[in-house]
C-alpha atoms as a PDB file:
ATOM      1  CA  GLU A   1     -20.570   9.345 -33.136  1.00  0.00           C
ATOM      2  CA  VAL A   2     -23.471   9.476 -35.591  1.00  0.00           C
ATOM      3  CA  PRO A   3     -25.806   6.539 -35.749  1.00  0.00           C
ATOM      4  CA  LEU A   4     -24.899   3.952 -38.495  1.00  0.00           C
ATOM      5  CA  TYR A   5     -27.254   0.907 -39.720  1.00  0.00           C
ATOM      6  CA  VAL A   6     -26.427  -1.842 -41.864  1.00  0.00           C
ATOM      7  CA  LEU A   7     -29.602  -3.091 -43.843  1.00  0.00           C
ATOM      8  CA  ALA A   8     -28.835  -6.591 -44.511  1.00  0.00           C
ATOM      9  CA  ASP A   9     -30.587  -9.473 -46.680  1.00  0.00           C
ATOM     10  CA  GLY A  10     -31.401 -12.413 -44.063  1.00  0.00           C
ATOM     11  CA  VAL A  11     -31.665 -12.988 -40.347  1.00  0.00           C
ATOM     12  CA  ASN A  12     -29.522 -11.227 -37.816  1.00  0.00           C
ATOM     13  CA  ARG A  13     -27.885 -13.729 -35.423  1.00  0.00           C
ATOM     14  CA  GLU A  14     -26.896 -11.169 -33.035  1.00  0.00           C
ATOM     15  CA  HIS A  15     -29.356  -9.778 -30.074  1.00  0.00           C
ATOM     16  CA  ARG A  16     -29.390  -6.297 -31.513  1.00  0.00           C
ATOM     17  CA  GLY A  17     -31.220  -4.784 -34.276  1.00  0.00           C
ATOM     18  CA  ARG A  18     -34.727  -5.663 -35.885  1.00  0.00           C
ATOM     19  CA  VAL A  19     -35.875  -8.398 -38.397  1.00  0.00           C
ATOM     20  CA  PHE A  20     -38.432  -7.761 -40.677  1.00  0.00           C
ATOM     21  CA  SER A  21     -39.773 -10.428 -42.848  1.00  0.00           C
ATOM     22  CA  TRP A  22     -42.675 -10.651 -45.504  1.00  0.00           C
ATOM     23  CA  PRO A  23     -44.668 -13.918 -46.306  1.00  0.00           C
ATOM     24  CA  TRP A  24     -43.518 -16.219 -48.867  1.00  0.00           C
ATOM     25  CA  SER A  25     -45.008 -15.920 -52.377  1.00  0.00           C
ATOM     26  CA  ASP A  26     -44.189 -17.515 -55.747  1.00  0.00           C
ATOM     27  CA  ALA A  27     -44.267 -14.046 -57.253  1.00  0.00           C
ATOM     28  CA  TYR A  28     -42.345 -12.054 -54.696  1.00  0.00           C
ATOM     29  CA  GLY A  29     -39.639 -14.836 -54.787  1.00  0.00           C
ATOM     30  CA  LYS A  30     -39.320 -14.352 -58.584  1.00  0.00           C
ATOM     31  CA  ILE A  31     -39.507 -10.611 -58.635  1.00  0.00           C
ATOM     32  CA  THR A  32     -36.622 -10.667 -55.954  1.00  0.00           C
ATOM     33  CA  ARG A  33     -34.875 -13.718 -57.092  1.00  0.00           C
ATOM     34  CA  GLY A  34     -35.183 -15.176 -53.644  1.00  0.00           C
ATOM     35  CA  HIS A  35     -33.747 -12.003 -51.693  1.00  0.00           C
ATOM     36  CA  TYR A  36     -34.901  -9.505 -49.282  1.00  0.00           C
ATOM     37  CA  ARG A  37     -38.026 -11.481 -47.839  1.00  0.00           C
ATOM     38  CA  VAL A  38     -36.265 -11.454 -44.650  1.00  0.00           C
ATOM     39  CA  VAL A  39     -34.173  -8.370 -44.021  1.00  0.00           C
ATOM     40  CA  SER A  40     -32.402  -7.221 -40.614  1.00  0.00           C
ATOM     41  CA  LEU A  41     -31.650  -3.446 -39.641  1.00  0.00           C
ATOM     42  CA  ILE A  42     -28.457  -3.800 -37.502  1.00  0.00           C
ATOM     43  CA  PRO A  43     -26.874  -0.892 -35.680  1.00  0.00           C
ATOM     44  CA  LEU A  44     -23.024  -0.528 -36.017  1.00  0.00           C
ATOM     45  CA  PRO A  45     -21.497   1.364 -33.049  1.00  0.00           C
ATOM     46  CA  PRO A  46     -18.473   3.426 -33.540  1.00  0.00           C
ATOM     47  CA  ARG A  47     -16.289   0.694 -31.735  1.00  0.00           C
ATOM     48  CA  GLN A  48     -17.153  -1.883 -34.420  1.00  0.00           C
ATOM     49  CA  ARG A  49     -16.235   0.351 -37.636  1.00  0.00           C
ATOM     50  CA  TYR A  50     -13.465   0.518 -39.781  1.00  0.00           C
ATOM     51  CA  ILE A  51     -12.460   1.677 -43.100  1.00  0.00           C
ATOM     52  CA  PRO A  52     -11.563  -1.306 -45.573  1.00  0.00           C
ATOM     53  CA  LEU A  53      -8.501   0.184 -47.542  1.00  0.00           C
ATOM     54  CA  ASP A  54      -7.491  -2.812 -49.790  1.00  0.00           C
ATOM     55  CA  GLY A  55      -7.789  -6.427 -49.920  1.00  0.00           C
ATOM     56  CA  ILE A  56     -11.172  -6.781 -48.084  1.00  0.00           C
ATOM     57  CA  TYR A  57     -14.152  -7.887 -49.938  1.00  0.00           C
ATOM     58  CA  PRO A  58     -17.641  -6.694 -49.280  1.00  0.00           C
ATOM     59  CA  VAL A  59     -19.725  -8.330 -46.436  1.00  0.00           C
ATOM     60  CA  GLU A  60     -21.061 -11.799 -47.187  1.00  0.00           C
ATOM     61  CA  ARG A  61     -24.012 -13.259 -45.292  1.00  0.00           C
ATOM     62  CA  SER A  62     -25.370 -16.724 -44.846  1.00  0.00           C
ATOM     63  CA  VAL A  63     -29.334 -17.650 -44.750  1.00  0.00           C
ATOM     64  CA  ASP A  64     -28.779 -18.375 -41.002  1.00  0.00           C
ATOM     65  CA  GLY A  65     -27.397 -14.626 -40.433  1.00  0.00           C
ATOM     66  CA  SER A  66     -23.805 -15.055 -39.745  1.00  0.00           C
ATOM     67  CA  ALA A  67     -21.469 -12.458 -41.694  1.00  0.00           C
ATOM     68  CA  TRP A  68     -17.894 -12.245 -42.729  1.00  0.00           C
ATOM     69  CA  ARG A  69     -15.569 -10.378 -45.161  1.00  0.00           C
ATOM     70  CA  TRP A  70     -12.993 -12.428 -47.182  1.00  0.00           C
ATOM     71  CA  LEU A  71      -9.405 -11.014 -47.142  1.00  0.00           C
ATOM     72  CA  THR A  72      -6.878 -11.216 -49.837  1.00  0.00           C
ATOM     73  CA  PRO A  73      -3.441 -12.519 -48.458  1.00  0.00           C
ATOM     74  CA  LEU A  74      -2.622  -8.804 -47.805  1.00  0.00           C
ATOM     75  CA  ALA A  75      -5.384  -6.589 -46.344  1.00  0.00           C
ATOM     76  CA  HIS A  76      -5.352  -3.047 -44.973  1.00  0.00           C
ATOM     77  CA  LEU A  77      -7.869  -1.266 -42.859  1.00  0.00           C
ATOM     78  CA  ASP A  78      -8.077   1.676 -40.896  1.00  0.00           C
ATOM     79  CA  LEU A  79      -9.214   2.113 -37.426  1.00  0.00           C
ATOM     80  CA  PRO A  80     -10.943   5.442 -36.631  1.00  0.00           C
ATOM     81  CA  ASP A  81      -9.731   7.268 -33.388  1.00  0.00           C
ATOM     82  CA  THR A  82     -12.032   6.098 -30.834  1.00  0.00           C
ATOM     83  CA  ALA A  83      -9.614   6.516 -27.771  1.00  0.00           C
ATOM     84  CA  ALA A  84      -9.619   2.581 -27.517  1.00  0.00           C
ATOM     85  CA  THR A  85      -6.634   0.993 -25.849  1.00  0.00           C
ATOM     86  CA  GLU A  86      -7.378  -2.517 -27.445  1.00  0.00           C
ATOM     87  CA  VAL A  87      -8.724  -4.214 -30.647  1.00  0.00           C
ATOM     88  CA  ARG A  88     -10.170  -7.510 -30.923  1.00  0.00           C
ATOM     89  CA  MET A  89     -10.196  -9.313 -34.429  1.00  0.00           C
ATOM     90  CA  GLN A  90     -11.981 -12.419 -35.080  1.00  0.00           C
ATOM     91  CA  PHE A  91     -11.006 -14.767 -38.038  1.00  0.00           C
ATOM     92  CA  ALA A  92     -12.126 -18.062 -39.500  1.00  0.00           C
ATOM     93  CA  LEU A  93     -11.834 -20.560 -42.438  1.00  0.00           C
ATOM     94  CA  SER A  94     -14.757 -22.145 -44.411  1.00  0.00           C
ATOM     95  CA  ARG A  95     -15.245 -25.912 -44.700  1.00  0.00           C
ATOM     96  CA  GLU A  96     -14.501 -25.396 -48.218  1.00  0.00           C
ATOM     97  CA  THR A  97     -11.120 -23.913 -47.886  1.00  0.00           C
ATOM     98  CA  PRO A  98      -8.533 -26.472 -49.244  1.00  0.00           C
ATOM     99  CA  PHE A  99      -6.007 -26.298 -46.088  1.00  0.00           C
ATOM    100  CA  PRO A 100      -6.825 -26.987 -42.716  1.00  0.00           C
ATOM    101  CA  ASP A 101      -5.024 -23.828 -41.133  1.00  0.00           C
ATOM    102  CA  ASN A 102      -3.660 -20.447 -42.275  1.00  0.00           C
ATOM    103  CA  MET A 103      -1.040 -18.312 -40.235  1.00  0.00           C
ATOM    104  CA  VAL A 104      -2.063 -14.617 -40.085  1.00  0.00           C
ATOM    105  CA  ALA A 105      -0.001 -11.853 -38.908  1.00  0.00           C
ATOM    106  CA  VAL A 106      -1.240  -8.413 -38.085  1.00  0.00           C
ATOM    107  CA  SER A 107       0.950  -5.321 -37.804  1.00  0.00           C
ATOM    108  CA  VAL A 108      -0.327  -1.879 -36.450  1.00  0.00           C
ATOM    109  CA  ASP A 109       1.055   1.196 -37.898  1.00  0.00           C
ATOM    110  CA  GLY A 110       3.847  -0.756 -39.566  1.00  0.00           C
ATOM    111  CA  GLN A 111       4.850  -2.554 -36.669  1.00  0.00           C
ATOM    112  CA  ARG A 112       4.374  -6.503 -36.189  1.00  0.00           C
ATOM    113  CA  ALA A 113       1.815  -6.921 -33.395  1.00  0.00           C
ATOM    114  CA  ALA A 114       0.753 -10.399 -33.345  1.00  0.00           C
ATOM    115  CA  THR A 115       0.556 -13.816 -35.311  1.00  0.00           C
ATOM    116  CA  LEU A 116      -2.437 -16.355 -34.913  1.00  0.00           C
ATOM    117  CA  THR A 117      -3.165 -19.472 -36.504  1.00  0.00           C
ATOM    118  CA  VAL A 118      -6.665 -19.990 -37.791  1.00  0.00           C
ATOM    119  CA  ARG A 119      -8.062 -23.464 -38.102  1.00  0.00           C
ATOM    120  CA  ARG A 120     -10.966 -24.494 -39.982  1.00  0.00           C
ATOM    121  CA  THR A 121     -12.491 -26.266 -36.843  1.00  0.00           C
ATOM    122  CA  SER A 122     -13.378 -22.670 -35.131  1.00  0.00           C
ATOM    123  CA  PRO A 123     -12.946 -19.303 -35.314  1.00  0.00           C
ATOM    124  CA  ALA A 124      -9.779 -17.619 -33.885  1.00  0.00           C
ATOM    125  CA  GLU A 125      -9.506 -14.334 -32.192  1.00  0.00           C
ATOM    126  CA  MET A 126      -6.546 -11.745 -31.254  1.00  0.00           C
ATOM    127  CA  PHE A 127      -6.174  -8.861 -28.926  1.00  0.00           C
ATOM    128  CA  LEU A 128      -4.046  -6.133 -29.910  1.00  0.00           C
ATOM    129  CA  PRO A 129      -2.929  -2.989 -27.564  1.00  0.00           C
ATOM    130  CA  LEU A 130      -3.719   0.305 -29.104  1.00  0.00           C
ATOM    131  CA  SER A 131      -2.126   3.825 -28.260  1.00  0.00           C
ATOM    132  CA  PRO A 132      -4.421   6.935 -28.423  1.00  0.00           C
ATOM    133  CA  GLY A 133      -5.521   7.778 -32.237  1.00  0.00           C
ATOM    134  CA  GLY A 134      -6.241   6.255 -35.233  1.00  0.00           C
ATOM    135  CA  HIS A 135      -4.382   3.098 -36.758  1.00  0.00           C
ATOM    136  CA  ARG A 136      -3.736   1.533 -39.911  1.00  0.00           C
ATOM    137  CA  LEU A 137      -3.798  -2.432 -39.340  1.00  0.00           C
ATOM    138  CA  ASP A 138      -1.864  -4.708 -42.196  1.00  0.00           C
ATOM    139  CA  ILE A 139      -3.018  -8.237 -42.314  1.00  0.00           C
ATOM    140  CA  VAL A 140      -1.007 -10.774 -43.946  1.00  0.00           C
ATOM    141  CA  ALA A 141      -2.191 -14.466 -44.657  1.00  0.00           C
ATOM    142  CA  GLU A 142       0.473 -17.232 -45.066  1.00  0.00           C
ATOM    143  CA  LYS A 143      -1.812 -19.095 -47.525  1.00  0.00           C
ATOM    144  CA  SER A 144      -4.610 -18.294 -50.260  1.00  0.00           C
ATOM    145  CA  PHE A 145      -6.715 -20.116 -52.743  1.00  0.00           C
ATOM    146  CA  ILE A 146      -8.836 -19.348 -55.634  1.00  0.00           C
ATOM    147  CA  PRO A 147     -12.299 -21.362 -55.076  1.00  0.00           C
ATOM    148  CA  ILE A 148     -12.723 -22.049 -58.580  1.00  0.00           C
ATOM    149  CA  GLU A 149      -9.529 -23.981 -59.045  1.00  0.00           C
ATOM    150  CA  HIS A 150     -10.555 -26.391 -55.965  1.00  0.00           C
ATOM    151  CA  SER A 151     -14.364 -27.114 -56.866  1.00  0.00           C
ATOM    152  CA  ASP A 152     -16.411 -28.399 -59.495  1.00  0.00           C
ATOM    153  CA  VAL A 153     -19.425 -26.076 -58.535  1.00  0.00           C
ATOM    154  CA  ALA A 154     -17.770 -22.723 -57.339  1.00  0.00           C
ATOM    155  CA  ARG A 155     -17.573 -19.781 -59.834  1.00  0.00           C
ATOM    156  CA  ASP A 156     -15.541 -17.730 -57.503  1.00  0.00           C
ATOM    157  CA  VAL A 157     -12.134 -16.536 -59.067  1.00  0.00           C
ATOM    158  CA  ARG A 158     -11.114 -14.207 -56.033  1.00  0.00           C
ATOM    159  CA  ARG A 159      -7.827 -15.116 -54.346  1.00  0.00           C
ATOM    160  CA  LEU A 160      -8.932 -15.737 -50.651  1.00  0.00           C
ATOM    161  CA  SER A 161      -6.954 -16.298 -47.529  1.00  0.00           C
ATOM    162  CA  VAL A 162      -9.202 -16.035 -44.179  1.00  0.00           C
ATOM    163  CA  LYS A 163     -12.787 -14.750 -43.238  1.00  0.00           C
ATOM    164  CA  LEU A 164     -12.525 -11.548 -41.255  1.00  0.00           C
ATOM    165  CA  LEU A 165     -15.552 -12.173 -38.852  1.00  0.00           C
ATOM    166  CA  SER A 166     -15.252  -9.018 -36.469  1.00  0.00           C
ATOM    167  CA  VAL A 167     -12.964  -5.990 -35.782  1.00  0.00           C
ATOM    168  CA  GLU A 168     -14.060  -4.151 -32.387  1.00  0.00           C
ATOM    169  CA  GLN A 169     -12.036  -1.835 -30.295  1.00  0.00           C
ATOM    170  CA  PHE A 170     -12.304  -1.578 -26.577  1.00  0.00           C
ATOM    171  CA  SER A 171     -11.161   0.999 -23.788  1.00  0.00           C
ATOM    172  CA  ALA A 172      -9.647  -0.890 -20.781  1.00  0.00           C
ATOM    173  CA  HIS A 173     -11.039   1.405 -18.146  1.00  0.00           C
ATOM    174  CA  SER A 174     -14.639   1.117 -19.640  1.00  0.00           C
ATOM    175  CA  GLY A 175     -14.740  -2.583 -21.084  1.00  0.00           C
ATOM    176  CA  GLN A 176     -16.234  -1.164 -24.292  1.00  0.00           C
END
């Protein structure tokens, strides 16, 4: 229940949080290598928190403020106990992904809960029922790629499967 905020480089696309910016200058751009001229202070409520255990890369952000975390073909995360009865997960593929879609399976506490096809054309989401208490989620993607092997300009050597856009827990009786 403690307040938690993310200090992010760039604009925040969501309607929460605050955006701070400083005027452009050549010296500031050189000192910061083009970062932190615009920053966002974004609140992270308990229902949107999770603990990345394995196979989940750090948050990445685009200039326009969208954010995601790349997943490896097998990823694990823990959900804290928020008394939620449902979790919503959103996934996406980037335009640079060398395949048009990817099948993702999610297990809750070791039990297969749902599968979903994630397409390049638009984000996909799934809703999973939860029982009281904390939970471990295992995310398995059918396909993966290494960006440097599929592009002349990419320097990324990580094995990637899908983008995790969000994880949010809800209670059926409260809508939160």
